Amino acid sequence: MTTDNNAKAYWTATLGLLTKVLVVWFLVSYGAGILFAPQLNNISLGGYPLGFWFAQQGSIYVFIALIFYYAHKMGQIDRKFGMQED
């Protein structure tokens, strides 16, 4: 029974992290690049409208940061629940 509770808690934590990462991914790719682009275009970054910059460059930087964040947090979750790969 303890193993089932541990597995359930592990998957709850994993899915919670995945949900957070996907929400940020959606907000940056769809939100900043499409939905909020007209408002963001009032701000310039490097001579380009910010909405355009997010759609072309900023989203890539955020996605790379999300990969490292996810790997780090997933490692913490794995260690917490004894699922780490050694």
PDB file of N, CA and C in Angstrom:
ATOM      1  N   MET A   1       0.821  -1.192   0.000  1.00  0.00           N
ATOM      2  CA  MET A   1       0.000   0.000   0.000  1.00  0.00           C
ATOM      3  C   MET A   1       0.868   1.260   0.000  1.00  0.00           C
ATOM      4  N   THR A   2       1.983   1.227   0.731  1.00  0.00           N
ATOM      5  CA  THR A   2       2.867   2.372   0.777  1.00  0.00           C
ATOM      6  C   THR A   2       3.472   2.619  -0.603  1.00  0.00           C
ATOM      7  N   THR A   3       3.785   1.559  -1.328  1.00  0.00           N
ATOM      8  CA  THR A   3       4.340   1.701  -2.663  1.00  0.00           C
ATOM      9  C   THR A   3       3.326   2.357  -3.593  1.00  0.00           C
ATOM     10  N   ASP A   4       2.056   1.977  -3.477  1.00  0.00           N
ATOM     11  CA  ASP A   4       1.014   2.593  -4.298  1.00  0.00           C
ATOM     12  C   ASP A   4       0.867   4.077  -3.978  1.00  0.00           C
ATOM     13  N   ASN A   5       0.920   4.419  -2.695  1.00  0.00           N
ATOM     14  CA  ASN A   5       0.828   5.828  -2.302  1.00  0.00           C
ATOM     15  C   ASN A   5       2.029   6.620  -2.811  1.00  0.00           C
ATOM     16  N   ASN A   6       3.222   6.003  -2.745  1.00  0.00           N
ATOM     17  CA  ASN A   6       4.438   6.651  -3.229  1.00  0.00           C
ATOM     18  C   ASN A   6       4.359   6.871  -4.746  1.00  0.00           C
ATOM     19  N   ALA A   7       3.889   5.860  -5.464  1.00  0.00           N
ATOM     20  CA  ALA A   7       3.767   5.987  -6.918  1.00  0.00           C
ATOM     21  C   ALA A   7       2.731   7.049  -7.285  1.00  0.00           C
ATOM     22  N   LYS A   8       1.637   7.079  -6.548  1.00  0.00           N
ATOM     23  CA  LYS A   8       0.601   8.077  -6.830  1.00  0.00           C
ATOM     24  C   LYS A   8       1.115   9.490  -6.551  1.00  0.00           C
ATOM     25  N   ALA A   9       1.825   9.666  -5.448  1.00  0.00           N
ATOM     26  CA  ALA A   9       2.397  10.977  -5.112  1.00  0.00           C
ATOM     27  C   ALA A   9       3.444  11.386  -6.143  1.00  0.00           C
ATOM     28  N   TYR A  10       4.236  10.425  -6.601  1.00  0.00           N
ATOM     29  CA  TYR A  10       5.249  10.696  -7.621  1.00  0.00           C
ATOM     30  C   TYR A  10       4.596  11.203  -8.904  1.00  0.00           C
ATOM     31  N   TRP A  11       3.559  10.506  -9.358  1.00  0.00           N
ATOM     32  CA  TRP A  11       2.905  10.909 -10.604  1.00  0.00           C
ATOM     33  C   TRP A  11       2.127  12.211 -10.444  1.00  0.00           C
ATOM     34  N   THR A  12       1.612  12.457  -9.273  1.00  0.00           N
ATOM     35  CA  THR A  12       0.943  13.737  -9.020  1.00  0.00           C
ATOM     36  C   THR A  12       1.949  14.886  -9.126  1.00  0.00           C
ATOM     37  N   ALA A  13       3.113  14.705  -8.523  1.00  0.00           N
ATOM     38  CA  ALA A  13       4.157  15.732  -8.594  1.00  0.00           C
ATOM     39  C   ALA A  13       4.657  15.905 -10.026  1.00  0.00           C
ATOM     40  N   THR A  14       4.836  14.795 -10.730  1.00  0.00           N
ATOM     41  CA  THR A  14       5.314  14.846 -12.112  1.00  0.00           C
ATOM     42  C   THR A  14       4.310  15.554 -13.012  1.00  0.00           C
ATOM     43  N   LEU A  15       3.041  15.206 -12.892  1.00  0.00           N
ATOM     44  CA  LEU A  15       2.021  15.848 -13.717  1.00  0.00           C
ATOM     45  C   LEU A  15       1.831  17.318 -13.351  1.00  0.00           C
ATOM     46  N   GLY A  16       2.007  17.656 -12.079  1.00  0.00           N
ATOM     47  CA  GLY A  16       1.944  19.060 -11.667  1.00  0.00           C
ATOM     48  C   GLY A  16       3.046  19.873 -12.317  1.00  0.00           C
ATOM     49  N   LEU A  17       4.263  19.328 -12.326  1.00  0.00           N
ATOM     50  CA  LEU A  17       5.386  20.007 -12.973  1.00  0.00           C
ATOM     51  C   LEU A  17       5.142  20.131 -14.471  1.00  0.00           C
ATOM     52  N   LEU A  18       4.682  19.063 -15.089  1.00  0.00           N
ATOM     53  CA  LEU A  18       4.409  19.086 -16.521  1.00  0.00           C
ATOM     54  C   LEU A  18       3.343  20.125 -16.868  1.00  0.00           C
ATOM     55  N   THR A  19       2.325  20.232 -16.035  1.00  0.00           N
ATOM     56  CA  THR A  19       1.273  21.227 -16.255  1.00  0.00           C
ATOM     57  C   THR A  19       1.846  22.638 -16.195  1.00  0.00           C
ATOM     58  N   LYS A  20       2.682  22.912 -15.207  1.00  0.00           N
ATOM     59  CA  LYS A  20       3.291  24.239 -15.081  1.00  0.00           C
ATOM     60  C   LYS A  20       4.143  24.583 -16.303  1.00  0.00           C
ATOM     61  N   VAL A  21       4.952  23.623 -16.743  1.00  0.00           N
ATOM     62  CA  VAL A  21       5.824  23.855 -17.890  1.00  0.00           C
ATOM     63  C   VAL A  21       4.992  24.092 -19.157  1.00  0.00           C
ATOM     64  N   LEU A  22       3.930  23.316 -19.338  1.00  0.00           N
ATOM     65  CA  LEU A  22       3.090  23.479 -20.521  1.00  0.00           C
ATOM     66  C   LEU A  22       2.325  24.805 -20.516  1.00  0.00           C
ATOM     67  N   VAL A  23       1.929  25.273 -19.345  1.00  0.00           N
ATOM     68  CA  VAL A  23       1.251  26.566 -19.261  1.00  0.00           C
ATOM     69  C   VAL A  23       2.207  27.684 -19.673  1.00  0.00           C
ATOM     70  N   VAL A  24       3.433  27.650 -19.176  1.00  0.00           N
ATOM     71  CA  VAL A  24       4.420  28.660 -19.563  1.00  0.00           C
ATOM     72  C   VAL A  24       4.697  28.559 -21.061  1.00  0.00           C
ATOM     73  N   TRP A  25       4.856  27.346 -21.558  1.00  0.00           N
ATOM     74  CA  TRP A  25       5.094  27.140 -22.988  1.00  0.00           C
ATOM     75  C   TRP A  25       3.961  27.749 -23.818  1.00  0.00           C
ATOM     76  N   PHE A  26       2.722  27.498 -23.411  1.00  0.00           N
ATOM     77  CA  PHE A  26       1.569  28.028 -24.140  1.00  0.00           C
ATOM     78  C   PHE A  26       1.541  29.554 -24.094  1.00  0.00           C
ATOM     79  N   LEU A  27       1.746  30.123 -22.913  1.00  0.00           N
ATOM     80  CA  LEU A  27       1.700  31.578 -22.782  1.00  0.00           C
ATOM     81  C   LEU A  27       2.771  32.272 -23.618  1.00  0.00           C
ATOM     82  N   VAL A  28       3.943  31.662 -23.670  1.00  0.00           N
ATOM     83  CA  VAL A  28       5.030  32.276 -24.429  1.00  0.00           C
ATOM     84  C   VAL A  28       4.823  32.081 -25.927  1.00  0.00           C
ATOM     85  N   SER A  29       4.506  30.866 -26.349  1.00  0.00           N
ATOM     86  CA  SER A  29       4.406  30.621 -27.791  1.00  0.00           C
ATOM     87  C   SER A  29       3.134  31.197 -28.388  1.00  0.00           C
ATOM     88  N   TYR A  30       2.010  30.876 -27.815  1.00  0.00           N
ATOM     89  CA  TYR A  30       0.742  31.330 -28.375  1.00  0.00           C
ATOM     90  C   TYR A  30       0.363  32.714 -27.854  1.00  0.00           C
ATOM     91  N   GLY A  31       0.581  32.915 -26.553  1.00  0.00           N
ATOM     92  CA  GLY A  31       0.201  34.192 -25.942  1.00  0.00           C
ATOM     93  C   GLY A  31       1.044  35.349 -26.427  1.00  0.00           C
ATOM     94  N   ALA A  32       2.359  35.283 -26.172  1.00  0.00           N
ATOM     95  CA  ALA A  32       3.233  36.402 -26.533  1.00  0.00           C
ATOM     96  C   ALA A  32       3.416  36.525 -28.036  1.00  0.00           C
ATOM     97  N   GLY A  33       3.402  35.405 -28.741  1.00  0.00           N
ATOM     98  CA  GLY A  33       3.629  35.449 -30.183  1.00  0.00           C
ATOM     99  C   GLY A  33       2.398  35.809 -30.992  1.00  0.00           C
ATOM    100  N   ILE A  34       1.191  35.525 -30.464  1.00  0.00           N
ATOM    101  CA  ILE A  34      -0.024  35.745 -31.248  1.00  0.00           C
ATOM    102  C   ILE A  34      -1.043  36.604 -30.502  1.00  0.00           C
ATOM    103  N   LEU A  35      -1.501  36.143 -29.349  1.00  0.00           N
ATOM    104  CA  LEU A  35      -2.594  36.815 -28.645  1.00  0.00           C
ATOM    105  C   LEU A  35      -2.228  38.207 -28.146  1.00  0.00           C
ATOM    106  N   PHE A  36      -1.069  38.325 -27.511  1.00  0.00           N
ATOM    107  CA  PHE A  36      -0.678  39.594 -26.910  1.00  0.00           C
ATOM    108  C   PHE A  36       0.295  40.385 -27.783  1.00  0.00           C
ATOM    109  N   ALA A  37       0.535  39.928 -28.999  1.00  0.00           N
ATOM    110  CA  ALA A  37       1.504  40.591 -29.888  1.00  0.00           C
ATOM    111  C   ALA A  37       1.169  42.058 -30.151  1.00  0.00           C
ATOM    112  N   PRO A  38      -0.096  42.404 -30.416  1.00  0.00           N
ATOM    113  CA  PRO A  38      -0.368  43.834 -30.662  1.00  0.00           C
ATOM    114  C   PRO A  38       0.002  44.726 -29.476  1.00  0.00           C
ATOM    115  N   GLN A  39      -0.263  44.274 -28.262  1.00  0.00           N
ATOM    116  CA  GLN A  39       0.100  45.072 -27.088  1.00  0.00           C
ATOM    117  C   GLN A  39       1.619  45.081 -26.887  1.00  0.00           C
ATOM    118  N   LEU A  40       2.263  43.929 -27.107  1.00  0.00           N
ATOM    119  CA  LEU A  40       3.708  43.853 -26.915  1.00  0.00           C
ATOM    120  C   LEU A  40       4.468  44.631 -27.987  1.00  0.00           C
ATOM    121  N   ASN A  41       3.862  44.805 -29.143  1.00  0.00           N
ATOM    122  CA  ASN A  41       4.541  45.512 -30.232  1.00  0.00           C
ATOM    123  C   ASN A  41       4.712  47.000 -29.945  1.00  0.00           C
ATOM    124  N   ASN A  42       4.074  47.505 -28.910  1.00  0.00           N
ATOM    125  CA  ASN A  42       4.284  48.899 -28.505  1.00  0.00           C
ATOM    126  C   ASN A  42       5.632  49.082 -27.811  1.00  0.00           C
ATOM    127  N   ILE A  43       6.274  47.980 -27.459  1.00  0.00           N
ATOM    128  CA  ILE A  43       7.584  47.996 -26.795  1.00  0.00           C
ATOM    129  C   ILE A  43       8.608  47.475 -27.795  1.00  0.00           C
ATOM    130  N   SER A  44       9.760  48.120 -27.864  1.00  0.00           N
ATOM    131  CA  SER A  44      10.822  47.671 -28.770  1.00  0.00           C
ATOM    132  C   SER A  44      11.933  46.999 -27.993  1.00  0.00           C
ATOM    133  N   LEU A  45      12.517  45.983 -28.620  1.00  0.00           N
ATOM    134  CA  LEU A  45      13.680  45.296 -28.054  1.00  0.00           C
ATOM    135  C   LEU A  45      14.683  45.119 -29.186  1.00  0.00           C
ATOM    136  N   GLY A  46      15.799  45.821 -29.093  1.00  0.00           N
ATOM    137  CA  GLY A  46      16.799  45.747 -30.150  1.00  0.00           C
ATOM    138  C   GLY A  46      16.313  46.311 -31.472  1.00  0.00           C
ATOM    139  N   GLY A  47      15.386  47.243 -31.411  1.00  0.00           N
ATOM    140  CA  GLY A  47      14.871  47.851 -32.620  1.00  0.00           C
ATOM    141  C   GLY A  47      13.710  47.101 -33.256  1.00  0.00           C
ATOM    142  N   TYR A  48      13.301  46.015 -32.655  1.00  0.00           N
ATOM    143  CA  TYR A  48      12.185  45.225 -33.180  1.00  0.00           C
ATOM    144  C   TYR A  48      11.022  45.249 -32.191  1.00  0.00           C
ATOM    145  N   PRO A  49       9.799  45.186 -32.675  1.00  0.00           N
ATOM    146  CA  PRO A  49       8.656  45.118 -31.766  1.00  0.00           C
ATOM    147  C   PRO A  49       8.743  43.861 -30.890  1.00  0.00           C
ATOM    148  N   LEU A  50       8.397  43.994 -29.615  1.00  0.00           N
ATOM    149  CA  LEU A  50       8.560  42.893 -28.659  1.00  0.00           C
ATOM    150  C   LEU A  50       7.719  41.672 -29.037  1.00  0.00           C
ATOM    151  N   GLY A  51       6.522  41.862 -29.558  1.00  0.00           N
ATOM    152  CA  GLY A  51       5.703  40.729 -29.986  1.00  0.00           C
ATOM    153  C   GLY A  51       6.371  39.935 -31.085  1.00  0.00           C
ATOM    154  N   PHE A  52       6.954  40.639 -32.053  1.00  0.00           N
ATOM    155  CA  PHE A  52       7.700  39.990 -33.129  1.00  0.00           C
ATOM    156  C   PHE A  52       8.913  39.266 -32.567  1.00  0.00           C
ATOM    157  N   TRP A  53       9.626  39.930 -31.643  1.00  0.00           N
ATOM    158  CA  TRP A  53      10.820  39.330 -31.060  1.00  0.00           C
ATOM    159  C   TRP A  53      10.480  38.032 -30.339  1.00  0.00           C
ATOM    160  N   PHE A  54       9.387  38.034 -29.545  1.00  0.00           N
ATOM    161  CA  PHE A  54       8.986  36.809 -28.856  1.00  0.00           C
ATOM    162  C   PHE A  54       8.632  35.708 -29.845  1.00  0.00           C
ATOM    163  N   ALA A  55       7.938  36.056 -30.908  1.00  0.00           N
ATOM    164  CA  ALA A  55       7.541  35.055 -31.889  1.00  0.00           C
ATOM    165  C   ALA A  55       8.752  34.468 -32.606  1.00  0.00           C
ATOM    166  N   GLN A  56       9.793  35.267 -32.815  1.00  0.00           N
ATOM    167  CA  GLN A  56      10.939  34.802 -33.595  1.00  0.00           C
ATOM    168  C   GLN A  56      12.115  34.313 -32.758  1.00  0.00           C
ATOM    169  N   GLN A  57      12.430  34.986 -31.660  1.00  0.00           N
ATOM    170  CA  GLN A  57      13.629  34.660 -30.893  1.00  0.00           C
ATOM    171  C   GLN A  57      13.349  34.334 -29.435  1.00  0.00           C
ATOM    172  N   GLY A  58      12.532  35.147 -28.791  1.00  0.00           N
ATOM    173  CA  GLY A  58      12.314  35.014 -27.348  1.00  0.00           C
ATOM    174  C   GLY A  58      11.753  33.673 -26.949  1.00  0.00           C
ATOM    175  N   SER A  59      10.851  33.158 -27.755  1.00  0.00           N
ATOM    176  CA  SER A  59      10.247  31.867 -27.415  1.00  0.00           C
ATOM    177  C   SER A  59      11.294  30.763 -27.402  1.00  0.00           C
ATOM    178  N   ILE A  60      12.271  30.833 -28.283  1.00  0.00           N
ATOM    179  CA  ILE A  60      13.329  29.821 -28.312  1.00  0.00           C
ATOM    180  C   ILE A  60      14.119  29.859 -27.009  1.00  0.00           C
ATOM    181  N   TYR A  61      14.467  31.063 -26.557  1.00  0.00           N
ATOM    182  CA  TYR A  61      15.213  31.185 -25.292  1.00  0.00           C
ATOM    183  C   TYR A  61      14.402  30.655 -24.115  1.00  0.00           C
ATOM    184  N   VAL A  62      13.116  30.979 -24.105  1.00  0.00           N
ATOM    185  CA  VAL A  62      12.256  30.496 -23.017  1.00  0.00           C
ATOM    186  C   VAL A  62      12.139  28.982 -23.073  1.00  0.00           C
ATOM    187  N   PHE A  63      12.009  28.404 -24.259  1.00  0.00           N
ATOM    188  CA  PHE A  63      11.886  26.957 -24.386  1.00  0.00           C
ATOM    189  C   PHE A  63      13.139  26.247 -23.895  1.00  0.00           C
ATOM    190  N   ILE A  64      14.301  26.794 -24.202  1.00  0.00           N
ATOM    191  CA  ILE A  64      15.555  26.201 -23.722  1.00  0.00           C
ATOM    192  C   ILE A  64      15.632  26.294 -22.205  1.00  0.00           C
ATOM    193  N   ALA A  65      15.238  27.436 -21.662  1.00  0.00           N
ATOM    194  CA  ALA A  65      15.222  27.590 -20.201  1.00  0.00           C
ATOM    195  C   ALA A  65      14.244  26.594 -19.573  1.00  0.00           C
ATOM    196  N   LEU A  66      13.102  26.370 -20.217  1.00  0.00           N
ATOM    197  CA  LEU A  66      12.127  25.401 -19.711  1.00  0.00           C
ATOM    198  C   LEU A  66      12.689  23.991 -19.695  1.00  0.00           C
ATOM    199  N   ILE A  67      13.482  23.630 -20.682  1.00  0.00           N
ATOM    200  CA  ILE A  67      14.102  22.303 -20.713  1.00  0.00           C
ATOM    201  C   ILE A  67      14.995  22.112 -19.503  1.00  0.00           C
ATOM    202  N   PHE A  68      15.846  23.102 -19.228  1.00  0.00           N
ATOM    203  CA  PHE A  68      16.751  22.990 -18.078  1.00  0.00           C
ATOM    204  C   PHE A  68      15.981  23.016 -16.761  1.00  0.00           C
ATOM    205  N   TYR A  69      14.964  23.856 -16.670  1.00  0.00           N
ATOM    206  CA  TYR A  69      14.135  23.914 -15.465  1.00  0.00           C
ATOM    207  C   TYR A  69      13.445  22.569 -15.229  1.00  0.00           C
ATOM    208  N   TYR A  70      12.855  22.010 -16.280  1.00  0.00           N
ATOM    209  CA  TYR A  70      12.152  20.733 -16.163  1.00  0.00           C
ATOM    210  C   TYR A  70      13.113  19.631 -15.728  1.00  0.00           C
ATOM    211  N   ALA A  71      14.291  19.573 -16.337  1.00  0.00           N
ATOM    212  CA  ALA A  71      15.270  18.539 -15.980  1.00  0.00           C
ATOM    213  C   ALA A  71      15.697  18.663 -14.523  1.00  0.00           C
ATOM    214  N   HIS A  72      15.923  19.893 -14.083  1.00  0.00           N
ATOM    215  CA  HIS A  72      16.338  20.124 -12.691  1.00  0.00           C
ATOM    216  C   HIS A  72      15.235  19.719 -11.705  1.00  0.00           C
ATOM    217  N   LYS A  73      14.022  20.200 -11.956  1.00  0.00           N
ATOM    218  CA  LYS A  73      12.911  19.894 -11.047  1.00  0.00           C
ATOM    219  C   LYS A  73      12.560  18.413 -11.085  1.00  0.00           C
ATOM    220  N   MET A  74      12.637  17.791 -12.245  1.00  0.00           N
ATOM    221  CA  MET A  74      12.334  16.366 -12.349  1.00  0.00           C
ATOM    222  C   MET A  74      13.367  15.552 -11.578  1.00  0.00           C
ATOM    223  N   GLY A  75      14.624  15.982 -11.606  1.00  0.00           N
ATOM    224  CA  GLY A  75      15.653  15.329 -10.806  1.00  0.00           C
ATOM    225  C   GLY A  75      15.349  15.422  -9.321  1.00  0.00           C
ATOM    226  N   GLN A  76      14.866  16.582  -8.881  1.00  0.00           N
ATOM    227  CA  GLN A  76      14.481  16.738  -7.474  1.00  0.00           C
ATOM    228  C   GLN A  76      13.309  15.829  -7.116  1.00  0.00           C
ATOM    229  N   ILE A  77      12.328  15.759  -7.989  1.00  0.00           N
ATOM    230  CA  ILE A  77      11.165  14.897  -7.741  1.00  0.00           C
ATOM    231  C   ILE A  77      11.601  13.441  -7.699  1.00  0.00           C
ATOM    232  N   ASP A  78      12.468  13.031  -8.622  1.00  0.00           N
ATOM    233  CA  ASP A  78      12.960  11.652  -8.647  1.00  0.00           C
ATOM    234  C   ASP A  78      13.675  11.300  -7.346  1.00  0.00           C
ATOM    235  N   ARG A  79      14.541  12.194  -6.882  1.00  0.00           N
ATOM    236  CA  ARG A  79      15.264  11.938  -5.629  1.00  0.00           C
ATOM    237  C   ARG A  79      14.318  11.898  -4.434  1.00  0.00           C
ATOM    238  N   LYS A  80      13.343  12.770  -4.426  1.00  0.00           N
ATOM    239  CA  LYS A  80      12.392  12.831  -3.313  1.00  0.00           C
ATOM    240  C   LYS A  80      11.628  11.518  -3.160  1.00  0.00           C
ATOM    241  N   PHE A  81      11.284  10.904  -4.284  1.00  0.00           N
ATOM    242  CA  PHE A  81      10.474   9.677  -4.250  1.00  0.00           C
ATOM    243  C   PHE A  81      11.307   8.422  -4.498  1.00  0.00           C
ATOM    244  N   GLY A  82      12.629   8.544  -4.523  1.00  0.00           N
ATOM    245  CA  GLY A  82      13.487   7.384  -4.678  1.00  0.00           C
ATOM    246  C   GLY A  82      13.446   6.758  -6.063  1.00  0.00           C
ATOM    247  N   MET A  83      13.238   7.568  -7.080  1.00  0.00           N
ATOM    248  CA  MET A  83      13.133   7.058  -8.445  1.00  0.00           C
ATOM    249  C   MET A  83      14.332   7.457  -9.305  1.00  0.00           C
ATOM    250  N   GLN A  84      15.367   8.021  -8.688  1.00  0.00           N
ATOM    251  CA  GLN A  84      16.488   8.526  -9.454  1.00  0.00           C
ATOM    252  C   GLN A  84      17.255   7.401 -10.134  1.00  0.00           C
ATOM    253  N   GLU A  85      17.895   7.768 -11.249  1.00  0.00           N
ATOM    254  CA  GLU A  85      18.727   6.822 -11.985  1.00  0.00           C
ATOM    255  C   GLU A  85      20.168   7.072 -11.583  1.00  0.00           C
ATOM    256  N   ASP A  86      20.809   6.068 -11.027  1.00  0.00           N
ATOM    257  CA  ASP A  86      22.220   6.234 -10.617  1.00  0.00           C
ATOM    258  C   ASP A  86      23.136   5.488 -11.512  1.00  0.00           C
TER     259      ASP A  86
END
